[in-house]
Protein backbone atom coordinates (compact mmCIF):
# COMPACT_ATOMS: atom_id res chain seq x y z
CA MET A 1 22.50 -33.21 -43.88
CA GLY A 2 22.22 -36.31 -46.92
CA ARG A 3 25.04 -37.03 -49.08
CA SER A 4 22.93 -35.80 -51.62
CA THR A 5 20.66 -33.47 -52.67
CA PRO A 6 17.18 -34.68 -53.61
CA ALA A 7 16.29 -34.65 -57.44
CA ILE A 8 16.57 -31.06 -58.55
CA ARG A 9 13.81 -29.34 -60.81
CA PRO A 10 14.72 -28.12 -63.86
CA TRP A 11 16.75 -24.95 -62.71
CA CYS A 12 19.96 -24.60 -64.22
CA LEU A 13 20.30 -23.24 -68.26
CA ALA A 14 23.42 -25.01 -67.86
CA LEU A 15 21.87 -28.45 -67.69
CA VAL A 16 19.81 -28.05 -70.49
CA ALA A 17 23.09 -27.10 -72.63
CA THR A 18 25.01 -29.98 -71.88
CA ILE A 19 22.40 -32.34 -73.34
CA ALA A 20 21.71 -30.59 -76.61
CA ALA A 21 25.32 -30.19 -76.90
CA SER A 22 25.51 -34.19 -76.89
CA ALA A 23 22.18 -34.61 -79.28
CA SER A 24 21.23 -31.83 -81.62
CA HIS A 25 17.41 -32.90 -81.56
CA ALA A 26 17.19 -33.08 -78.06
CA GLN A 27 13.76 -30.96 -77.12
CA ASP A 28 14.26 -28.42 -74.48
CA VAL A 29 13.27 -28.21 -71.04
CA VAL A 30 9.24 -26.29 -70.15
CA PRO A 31 10.77 -23.58 -67.73
CA THR A 32 9.28 -23.47 -64.49
CA PRO A 33 6.55 -20.08 -65.12
CA VAL A 34 7.69 -16.99 -64.29
CA GLN A 35 6.78 -16.20 -60.43
CA SER A 36 4.42 -13.22 -59.91
CA PRO A 37 5.89 -10.79 -57.72
CA ALA A 38 4.27 -11.03 -54.24
CA PRO A 39 2.32 -7.59 -52.57
CA LEU A 40 5.39 -4.91 -51.77
CA LEU A 41 4.56 -4.43 -47.72
CA ALA A 42 3.11 -7.33 -45.88
CA PRO A 43 0.06 -6.01 -43.14
CA VAL A 44 1.55 -7.75 -39.68
CA ALA A 45 -1.50 -8.59 -37.21
CA VAL A 46 0.44 -8.83 -33.69
CA ASP A 47 -0.81 -7.52 -30.62
CA THR A 48 -0.25 -3.21 -30.05
CA SER A 49 -1.26 -2.64 -26.58
CA VAL A 50 0.53 -1.17 -24.19
CA ALA A 51 -1.88 -0.80 -21.20
CA PRO A 52 0.04 -4.60 -20.18
CA PHE A 53 3.30 -2.79 -19.94
CA TYR A 54 2.25 -0.07 -17.91
CA ALA A 55 -0.04 -2.01 -15.62
CA ALA A 56 2.63 -4.26 -14.32
CA ARG A 57 4.74 -1.18 -13.61
CA PRO A 58 2.50 0.79 -11.98
CA GLY A 59 3.82 4.52 -12.23
CA THR A 60 6.73 4.27 -14.74
CA LEU A 61 7.11 6.61 -17.40
CA LEU A 62 9.32 5.31 -20.22
CA TRP A 63 9.54 8.52 -22.60
CA LEU A 64 8.78 11.02 -20.02
CA THR A 65 11.85 11.65 -17.87
CA GLU A 66 14.60 13.90 -18.24
CA PRO A 67 16.78 10.78 -20.31
CA GLY A 68 13.54 9.37 -21.78
CA ARG A 69 12.66 12.69 -23.35
CA ALA A 70 15.79 12.73 -25.54
CA GLY A 71 14.81 9.24 -27.16
CA ALA A 72 11.47 10.68 -27.60
CA ALA A 73 12.42 13.08 -29.65
CA ARG A 74 14.49 11.01 -32.04
CA LEU A 75 11.76 9.12 -31.99
CA ALA A 76 9.65 11.94 -33.55
CA GLN A 77 12.92 12.60 -35.86
CA ARG A 78 12.66 8.76 -37.13
CA LEU A 79 9.23 8.96 -37.57
CA ARG A 80 9.05 11.77 -39.93
CA GLU A 81 11.43 10.01 -42.32
CA ALA A 82 9.26 6.58 -41.88
CA ARG A 83 7.68 6.71 -45.25
CA VAL A 84 10.95 5.46 -46.34
CA ASP A 85 11.05 2.66 -44.52
CA GLY A 86 7.24 1.58 -45.68
CA PHE A 87 5.35 2.78 -42.79
CA ALA A 88 3.13 5.46 -44.10
CA GLU A 89 2.12 6.56 -40.93
CA GLY A 90 4.84 7.29 -39.65
CA PRO A 91 4.55 11.34 -39.68
CA ALA A 92 1.06 11.31 -38.32
CA LEU A 93 2.50 9.78 -35.46
CA ALA A 94 5.66 12.06 -35.21
CA ALA A 95 3.12 14.57 -34.87
CA ALA A 96 1.14 12.37 -32.40
CA VAL A 97 4.99 12.12 -30.77
CA GLU A 98 5.66 15.72 -30.16
CA ALA A 99 2.49 16.86 -28.90
CA GLY A 100 2.72 14.28 -25.67
CA LEU A 101 6.23 15.51 -25.17
CA ALA A 102 4.57 19.31 -25.11
CA ARG A 103 1.91 18.05 -22.80
CA GLY A 104 3.89 15.72 -20.57
CA LEU A 105 1.32 14.33 -18.91
CA PRO A 106 1.57 10.83 -17.98
CA ASP A 107 -1.56 9.42 -20.87
CA ASP A 108 1.31 10.89 -23.04
CA ASP A 109 3.92 8.50 -21.93
CA LYS A 110 1.25 5.95 -23.55
CA VAL A 111 1.24 7.61 -26.53
CA ILE A 112 4.61 8.03 -27.28
CA SER A 113 5.09 4.03 -26.40
CA SER A 114 2.29 3.05 -28.51
CA ALA A 115 3.97 4.76 -31.46
CA TRP A 116 7.21 3.25 -30.39
CA VAL A 117 5.44 0.03 -30.60
CA ARG A 118 3.74 0.73 -34.10
CA TYR A 119 7.05 1.45 -35.49
CA VAL A 120 9.29 -1.66 -34.65
CA GLN A 121 6.67 -3.64 -35.28
CA ALA A 122 6.86 -2.23 -38.97
CA LEU A 123 10.56 -2.50 -39.12
CA LYS A 124 10.25 -5.78 -38.45
CA ARG A 125 7.12 -7.13 -40.43
CA PRO A 126 7.13 -10.29 -43.03
CA VAL A 127 9.41 -9.39 -45.89
CA ALA A 128 7.23 -10.02 -49.11
CA GLY A 129 8.06 -12.66 -51.15
CA VAL A 130 10.67 -14.60 -50.04
CA SER A 131 10.91 -18.02 -48.81
CA PHE A 132 12.53 -19.11 -45.89
CA GLY A 133 13.90 -22.43 -45.85
CA ASP A 134 15.34 -21.42 -42.85
CA PRO A 135 12.61 -20.45 -40.56
CA ALA A 136 15.63 -18.95 -37.93
CA LEU A 137 16.06 -16.63 -40.55
CA ALA A 138 12.76 -15.01 -41.14
CA PRO A 139 11.72 -11.79 -38.58
CA VAL A 140 10.00 -12.81 -35.42
CA PRO A 141 6.72 -10.73 -34.68
CA GLN A 142 7.14 -8.90 -31.09
CA SER A 143 4.53 -8.07 -28.93
CA ALA A 144 4.52 -4.34 -27.57
CA SER A 145 5.20 -5.79 -23.77
CA SER A 146 8.25 -7.18 -25.01
CA ILE A 147 9.36 -4.00 -27.18
CA LEU A 148 8.81 -1.89 -24.02
CA ALA A 149 10.54 -3.92 -21.68
CA GLN A 150 13.52 -3.84 -24.46
CA ALA A 151 13.37 0.02 -24.26
CA LEU A 152 12.72 0.53 -20.23
CA ALA A 153 16.45 -1.48 -20.42
CA ALA A 154 18.30 0.20 -22.78
CA PRO A 155 20.84 2.23 -20.90
CA SER A 156 20.37 4.75 -23.50
CA LEU A 157 16.68 5.55 -25.39
CA GLU A 158 17.78 7.85 -28.01
CA ALA A 159 20.55 4.80 -29.08
CA HIS A 160 18.19 2.25 -28.32
CA VAL A 161 15.79 3.64 -31.27
CA ASP A 162 18.46 4.81 -33.63
CA ALA A 163 19.90 1.55 -33.24
CA ALA A 164 15.99 -0.12 -34.24
CA VAL A 165 16.11 2.24 -37.40
CA ARG A 166 19.33 1.11 -38.10
CA ILE A 167 18.53 -2.48 -39.18
CA ASN A 168 22.23 -3.43 -40.68
CA PRO A 169 24.46 -0.90 -42.45
CA PHE A 170 23.36 -1.78 -45.98
CA TYR A 171 19.91 -0.85 -44.84
CA TRP A 172 21.21 2.26 -43.24
CA ALA A 173 23.10 3.37 -46.09
CA LEU A 174 20.52 2.92 -48.58
CA ARG A 175 18.12 4.82 -46.17
CA SER A 176 19.89 7.71 -45.50
CA ALA A 177 21.05 7.92 -49.85
CA ALA A 178 17.22 8.12 -49.97
CA LEU A 179 16.29 10.19 -47.46
CA HIS A 180 19.12 12.76 -48.91
CA LYS A 181 18.05 12.31 -52.29
CA GLY A 182 14.68 12.99 -52.06
CA LEU A 183 13.75 9.61 -52.64
CA SER A 184 11.57 7.94 -50.21
CA ASP A 185 8.65 7.15 -52.40
CA ASP A 186 10.37 5.22 -55.09
CA PRO A 187 9.28 2.01 -55.67
CA ARG A 188 12.55 0.65 -56.49
CA VAL A 189 14.03 2.11 -53.08
CA LEU A 190 11.19 0.66 -51.14
CA ALA A 191 11.09 -2.44 -52.55
CA SER A 192 15.29 -3.18 -52.00
CA LEU A 193 14.79 -1.62 -48.07
CA ASP A 194 12.10 -3.88 -47.66
CA ARG A 195 13.66 -7.01 -49.05
CA LEU A 196 17.28 -5.44 -47.16
CA ARG A 197 15.87 -5.71 -43.83
CA LEU A 198 16.48 -9.48 -43.47
CA LEU A 199 20.21 -8.92 -43.55
CA PRO A 200 22.01 -9.69 -40.06
CA PRO A 201 24.11 -6.69 -39.02
CA ARG A 202 26.32 -8.73 -37.50
CA GLY A 203 27.98 -12.15 -38.14
CA ARG A 204 28.98 -13.46 -41.72
CA ALA A 205 26.20 -13.99 -44.26
CA ILE A 206 25.86 -14.33 -48.06
CA LEU A 207 24.16 -12.16 -50.18
CA VAL A 208 23.21 -12.82 -54.01
CA ASP A 209 22.04 -9.68 -54.98
CA ILE A 210 19.13 -10.67 -58.43
CA ALA A 211 19.03 -7.68 -59.87
CA ASN A 212 23.11 -6.83 -60.23
CA ALA A 213 23.73 -10.88 -60.73
CA GLU A 214 25.89 -10.22 -57.47
CA LEU A 215 27.30 -12.38 -54.63
CA MET A 216 28.84 -10.45 -51.87
CA THR A 217 30.22 -12.10 -48.93
CA ILE A 218 29.80 -9.91 -45.76
CA GLU A 219 31.13 -10.07 -42.87
CA ASP A 220 29.91 -7.84 -39.61
CA GLY A 221 27.92 -5.55 -42.21
CA GLN A 222 30.84 -5.13 -44.67
CA VAL A 223 31.23 -6.77 -48.05
CA ALA A 224 34.11 -8.58 -47.81
CA ASP A 225 34.59 -10.06 -51.44
CA ARG A 226 32.29 -9.64 -55.04
CA MET A 227 32.03 -11.77 -57.96
CA LYS A 228 29.77 -12.35 -60.66
CA VAL A 229 27.05 -14.83 -60.73
CA ILE A 230 24.45 -16.13 -63.17
CA VAL A 231 20.74 -16.12 -61.87
CA GLY A 232 17.21 -17.41 -63.97
CA LYS A 233 16.32 -15.80 -67.37
CA THR A 234 13.33 -13.59 -67.08
CA SER A 235 10.91 -16.90 -68.07
CA ALA A 236 12.90 -18.80 -65.21
CA GLN A 237 13.36 -16.67 -62.27
CA THR A 238 15.28 -17.28 -59.53
CA PRO A 239 13.67 -17.03 -56.65
CA LEU A 240 14.16 -14.52 -53.30
CA LEU A 241 15.07 -17.56 -50.61
CA ALA A 242 17.03 -17.51 -47.03
CA GLY A 243 18.65 -20.68 -46.12
CA THR A 244 21.92 -21.66 -44.26
CA ILE A 245 25.08 -23.29 -46.14
CA HIS A 246 26.26 -26.05 -43.67
CA TYR A 247 28.83 -27.99 -45.88
CA VAL A 248 30.31 -27.47 -49.36
CA THR A 249 30.10 -30.30 -52.04
CA PHE A 250 33.19 -31.11 -54.21
CA ASN A 251 33.14 -32.78 -57.57
CA PRO A 252 29.38 -33.00 -56.45
CA TYR A 253 27.12 -35.61 -59.39
CA TRP A 254 24.61 -33.52 -61.58
CA HIS A 255 21.10 -35.30 -60.63
CA ILE A 256 19.32 -34.82 -63.75
CA PRO A 257 15.33 -34.28 -62.96
CA GLN A 258 12.78 -36.33 -64.01
CA ASP A 259 10.75 -34.23 -66.27
CA VAL A 260 14.89 -33.27 -68.08
CA THR A 261 15.48 -37.12 -68.26
CA ARG A 262 11.66 -37.58 -69.56
CA ARG A 263 11.71 -35.28 -72.08
CA THR A 264 15.49 -35.15 -73.01
CA VAL A 265 17.80 -38.13 -72.22
CA ALA A 266 15.03 -41.30 -72.86
CA PRO A 267 14.47 -40.38 -76.51
CA ILE A 268 17.93 -39.61 -77.10
CA ILE A 269 18.13 -42.88 -75.80
CA LEU A 270 15.47 -44.47 -77.84
CA LYS A 271 17.10 -43.02 -81.03
CA ARG A 272 20.61 -43.98 -79.74
CA GLY A 273 20.76 -46.45 -77.71
CA THR A 274 21.77 -46.80 -74.27
CA SER A 275 25.28 -46.12 -75.52
CA TYR A 276 24.59 -42.65 -75.44
CA LEU A 277 24.77 -42.40 -71.67
CA LYS A 278 28.24 -43.29 -71.28
CA LEU A 279 29.49 -40.84 -74.16
CA ALA A 280 27.55 -38.05 -72.25
CA ARG A 281 29.27 -39.56 -68.57
CA TYR A 282 25.25 -40.15 -67.43
CA GLU A 283 24.99 -43.20 -65.13
CA THR A 284 21.43 -45.11 -64.07
CA VAL A 285 21.43 -45.49 -60.53
CA SER A 286 18.49 -46.64 -58.01
CA GLN A 287 18.34 -43.13 -56.46
CA PHE A 288 19.75 -40.09 -55.91
CA GLY A 289 21.92 -39.42 -52.77
CA ASP A 290 23.27 -42.24 -49.83
CA GLY A 291 22.23 -45.86 -50.76
CA ALA A 292 23.20 -45.29 -54.64
CA GLU A 293 23.13 -48.46 -56.66
CA PRO A 294 24.18 -49.29 -59.75
CA VAL A 295 21.37 -49.91 -62.34
CA ASP A 296 21.45 -51.47 -66.20
CA PRO A 297 20.36 -48.82 -68.06
CA ASP A 298 19.98 -52.21 -70.96
CA SER A 299 16.75 -53.39 -68.13
CA ILE A 300 14.82 -49.73 -68.12
CA ASP A 301 12.05 -49.37 -70.36
CA TRP A 302 13.11 -46.58 -71.48
CA LYS A 303 9.58 -45.89 -74.44
CA ALA A 304 7.47 -45.87 -70.97
CA VAL A 305 9.95 -43.28 -68.99
CA ALA A 306 9.53 -40.88 -72.36
CA ALA A 307 5.84 -41.17 -72.21
CA GLY A 308 6.11 -40.39 -67.94
CA GLU A 309 4.63 -44.11 -67.01
CA ILE A 310 7.73 -44.40 -65.09
CA GLU A 311 10.96 -43.00 -63.79
CA ALA A 312 14.90 -43.58 -64.26
CA ASN A 313 17.33 -41.39 -62.03
CA VAL A 314 20.10 -40.69 -64.04
CA ARG A 315 23.05 -38.88 -62.83
CA GLN A 316 26.41 -37.39 -64.82
CA ARG A 317 29.66 -38.35 -62.88
CA ALA A 318 32.39 -35.92 -61.30
CA GLY A 319 34.29 -34.42 -63.83
CA GLY A 320 35.99 -31.17 -66.00
CA ASN A 321 32.48 -31.55 -68.02
CA ASN A 322 30.05 -32.10 -65.37
CA MET A 323 27.54 -29.03 -65.38
CA MET A 324 27.92 -28.76 -61.39
CA GLY A 325 31.16 -28.01 -62.67
CA ARG A 326 34.15 -29.13 -59.38
CA MET A 327 31.64 -27.86 -56.67
CA LYS A 328 28.39 -26.76 -55.44
CA PHE A 329 26.68 -25.51 -52.71
CA GLY A 330 23.46 -26.05 -51.04
CA PHE A 331 21.17 -25.32 -48.34
CA VAL A 332 17.46 -25.85 -47.71
CA ASN A 333 14.83 -24.27 -49.91
CA ASP A 334 11.26 -25.57 -51.51
CA GLN A 335 12.51 -24.63 -55.14
CA GLY A 336 15.50 -26.40 -55.66
CA ILE A 337 18.28 -23.77 -56.11
CA PHE A 338 21.77 -23.89 -54.85
CA LEU A 339 24.71 -22.23 -55.82
CA HIS A 340 27.45 -23.79 -58.37
CA ASP A 341 30.27 -23.78 -60.30
CA THR A 342 30.30 -24.07 -64.33
CA PRO A 343 32.65 -25.31 -67.21
CA HIS A 344 31.48 -22.10 -69.21
CA LYS A 345 33.56 -19.36 -67.53
CA GLY A 346 33.12 -16.90 -70.60
CA LEU A 347 29.60 -16.48 -69.73
CA PHE A 348 30.48 -14.14 -66.94
CA ALA A 349 32.07 -11.67 -69.30
CA ARG A 350 28.44 -10.61 -70.58
CA ALA A 351 27.07 -7.25 -68.92
CA ALA A 352 23.83 -9.09 -68.46
CA ARG A 353 23.84 -12.53 -66.90
CA THR A 354 19.96 -13.91 -66.41
CA LEU A 355 20.97 -16.93 -68.55
CA SER A 356 20.15 -19.81 -66.24
CA LEU A 357 16.59 -21.78 -64.88
CA GLY A 358 17.34 -20.45 -61.68
CA CYS A 359 20.11 -22.12 -60.09
CA VAL A 360 23.12 -19.29 -59.57
CA ARG A 361 26.15 -20.14 -61.02
CA LEU A 362 29.61 -18.89 -59.59
CA GLU A 363 32.25 -16.71 -61.43
CA ARG A 364 35.33 -17.73 -58.19
CA PRO A 365 33.45 -20.87 -56.62
CA GLU A 366 37.02 -21.33 -54.64
CA ALA A 367 37.07 -18.15 -53.52
CA LEU A 368 33.52 -18.87 -51.82
CA ALA A 369 34.91 -22.24 -50.21
CA ARG A 370 37.75 -20.47 -49.05
CA TRP A 371 35.51 -17.99 -47.02
CA LEU A 372 33.01 -20.12 -45.90
CA LEU A 373 35.69 -23.09 -44.83
CA GLY A 374 38.26 -20.92 -43.48
CA ARG A 375 41.33 -22.65 -45.11
CA GLU A 376 42.39 -23.83 -48.84
CA PRO A 377 39.58 -26.34 -50.12
CA GLU A 378 41.41 -29.52 -51.10
CA LEU A 379 40.20 -30.95 -54.02
CA PRO A 380 39.35 -34.78 -54.26
CA GLY A 381 40.20 -36.78 -57.34
CA ASP A 382 37.77 -36.21 -60.48
CA GLY A 383 35.06 -39.14 -60.06
CA VAL A 384 34.89 -38.89 -55.94
CA GLU A 385 31.99 -36.28 -54.70
CA GLN A 386 32.94 -35.04 -51.11
CA LEU A 387 30.88 -33.11 -48.90
CA VAL A 388 33.00 -31.21 -46.16
CA GLN A 389 31.36 -29.62 -43.25
CA VAL A 390 31.73 -25.80 -42.38
CA ASP A 391 31.91 -25.04 -39.00
CA GLN A 392 29.37 -22.92 -38.59
CA GLY A 393 26.80 -22.83 -40.68
CA VAL A 394 26.88 -19.35 -42.90
CA PRO A 395 23.12 -17.94 -43.92
CA ILE A 396 22.64 -16.95 -47.20
CA TYR A 397 19.84 -14.50 -48.52
CA LEU A 398 18.73 -14.59 -52.64
CA LEU A 399 17.25 -10.80 -52.49
CA TYR A 400 16.25 -8.34 -55.64
CA LEU A 401 17.73 -5.12 -54.99
CA THR A 402 17.07 -2.78 -58.41
CA ALA A 403 17.83 -0.03 -55.29
CA ARG A 404 21.93 0.02 -53.88
CA PRO A 405 23.26 3.06 -51.63
CA ASP A 406 26.89 4.10 -53.23
CA GLY A 407 27.70 6.77 -51.06
CA GLU A 408 24.87 9.56 -51.02
CA GLU A 409 24.23 8.15 -53.98
CA ILE A 410 21.90 4.80 -55.28
CA ALA A 411 22.96 3.05 -57.82
CA PHE A 412 19.74 1.69 -59.51
CA ALA A 413 19.48 -1.31 -61.20
CA ARG A 414 17.36 -2.84 -64.27
CA ASP A 415 14.05 -4.24 -63.20
CA VAL A 416 15.04 -7.35 -65.15
CA TYR A 417 11.98 -9.22 -63.50
CA GLY A 418 9.65 -6.86 -63.53
CA LEU A 419 9.21 -7.31 -59.63
CA ASP A 420 9.17 -3.52 -58.44
CA ARG A 421 7.55 -1.69 -61.70
CA ALA A 422 4.21 -1.42 -59.71
CA SER A 423 4.08 2.30 -58.33
CA LEU A 424 3.32 1.34 -54.95
CA ALA A 425 2.24 3.95 -52.49
CA PRO A 426 3.70 3.03 -48.84
CA ALA A 427 1.62 0.74 -46.92
CA ASN A 428 -0.38 1.64 -43.49
CA ILE A 429 2.32 -1.17 -41.80
CA GLY A 430 1.47 -2.24 -38.13
CA SER A 431 -2.23 -1.47 -38.03
CA ASN A 432 -4.98 -3.92 -37.15
């Protein structure tokens, strides 16, 4: 990756605040329009036919053997519960599985396999409303033959069924609590479970829960640490994203977005002159990122910049008052979103922390850097931007969880973005 990220979109509220503090007449940045919620449950169209699997293995019985019957019985149990997984046809398929077990004919093995394929494909369906900066993190639909081959190779079909439904500890805990509380059709539960399917069951990951304004570091499905965060206000929502963090940037520049420069910086310079740039610790450069060279601000036609006729690259130098703070955590995404420090620590004391224009500000960025790097971060001196590679990229998920497990209870968060307000019945996921 390059030394600095490209010009970012005007997402962070702190960005506006620092300019406004320098000049009371600075114009407000026009926020990005509120995202329309994507459909809660997205259908998938993949191969559901079990015929090729059985044609390639004449006489094979997967479920109607003595050990296989326990797996089929467990499958029927999970299918009866499957409305909570967003799989509305689960109970009907459970009845078909139980009838097939009772008859025990060779064709009934195919009926049970078909039910299993449809359920697995539903659990692996795409997650609505999430943008994947790292495509490797997106759920991968599987063919019927692949799903059944894995089942055939499993030492225990009963354990294999349970493992597939558990997905990860967060998902299983919320699913179990919802069933215990009789909340299988609650739209907040359905929406949160749909998004939680993305989390890996093992390894390290970062979860930013937008609805609760909290970040969690996760190790093998368990929370290692928590911290408060500040997320986007309702008119500039933090988007749902999945990406991978490969490096930590210490003493980052703030690359001022072009529309902020046009709407705010240029008009101030036209009133106060280019001396304002030095006062605000801004500098003009040839480009953002590697190869940036200084540009004399007096050589720039600021009237043309304000009119949107030309662009000027303005960045804020690193230091204590930089709006990125002392460090930021970037990852590839199409929204220009990243995590960063902030000099405005008092905002974390607020109960409602929907305050930014989309980027995520961290209560304890040094703790996240320490966890990512596996050692105490060594901060360079002021004014020196430094990128430090993370040994192995760590996936990060920005999700919106209005329902979270709390033992056998469920903790509900206010639906501040209105993504889960519609009362949606579970869909028939997996049908053609």
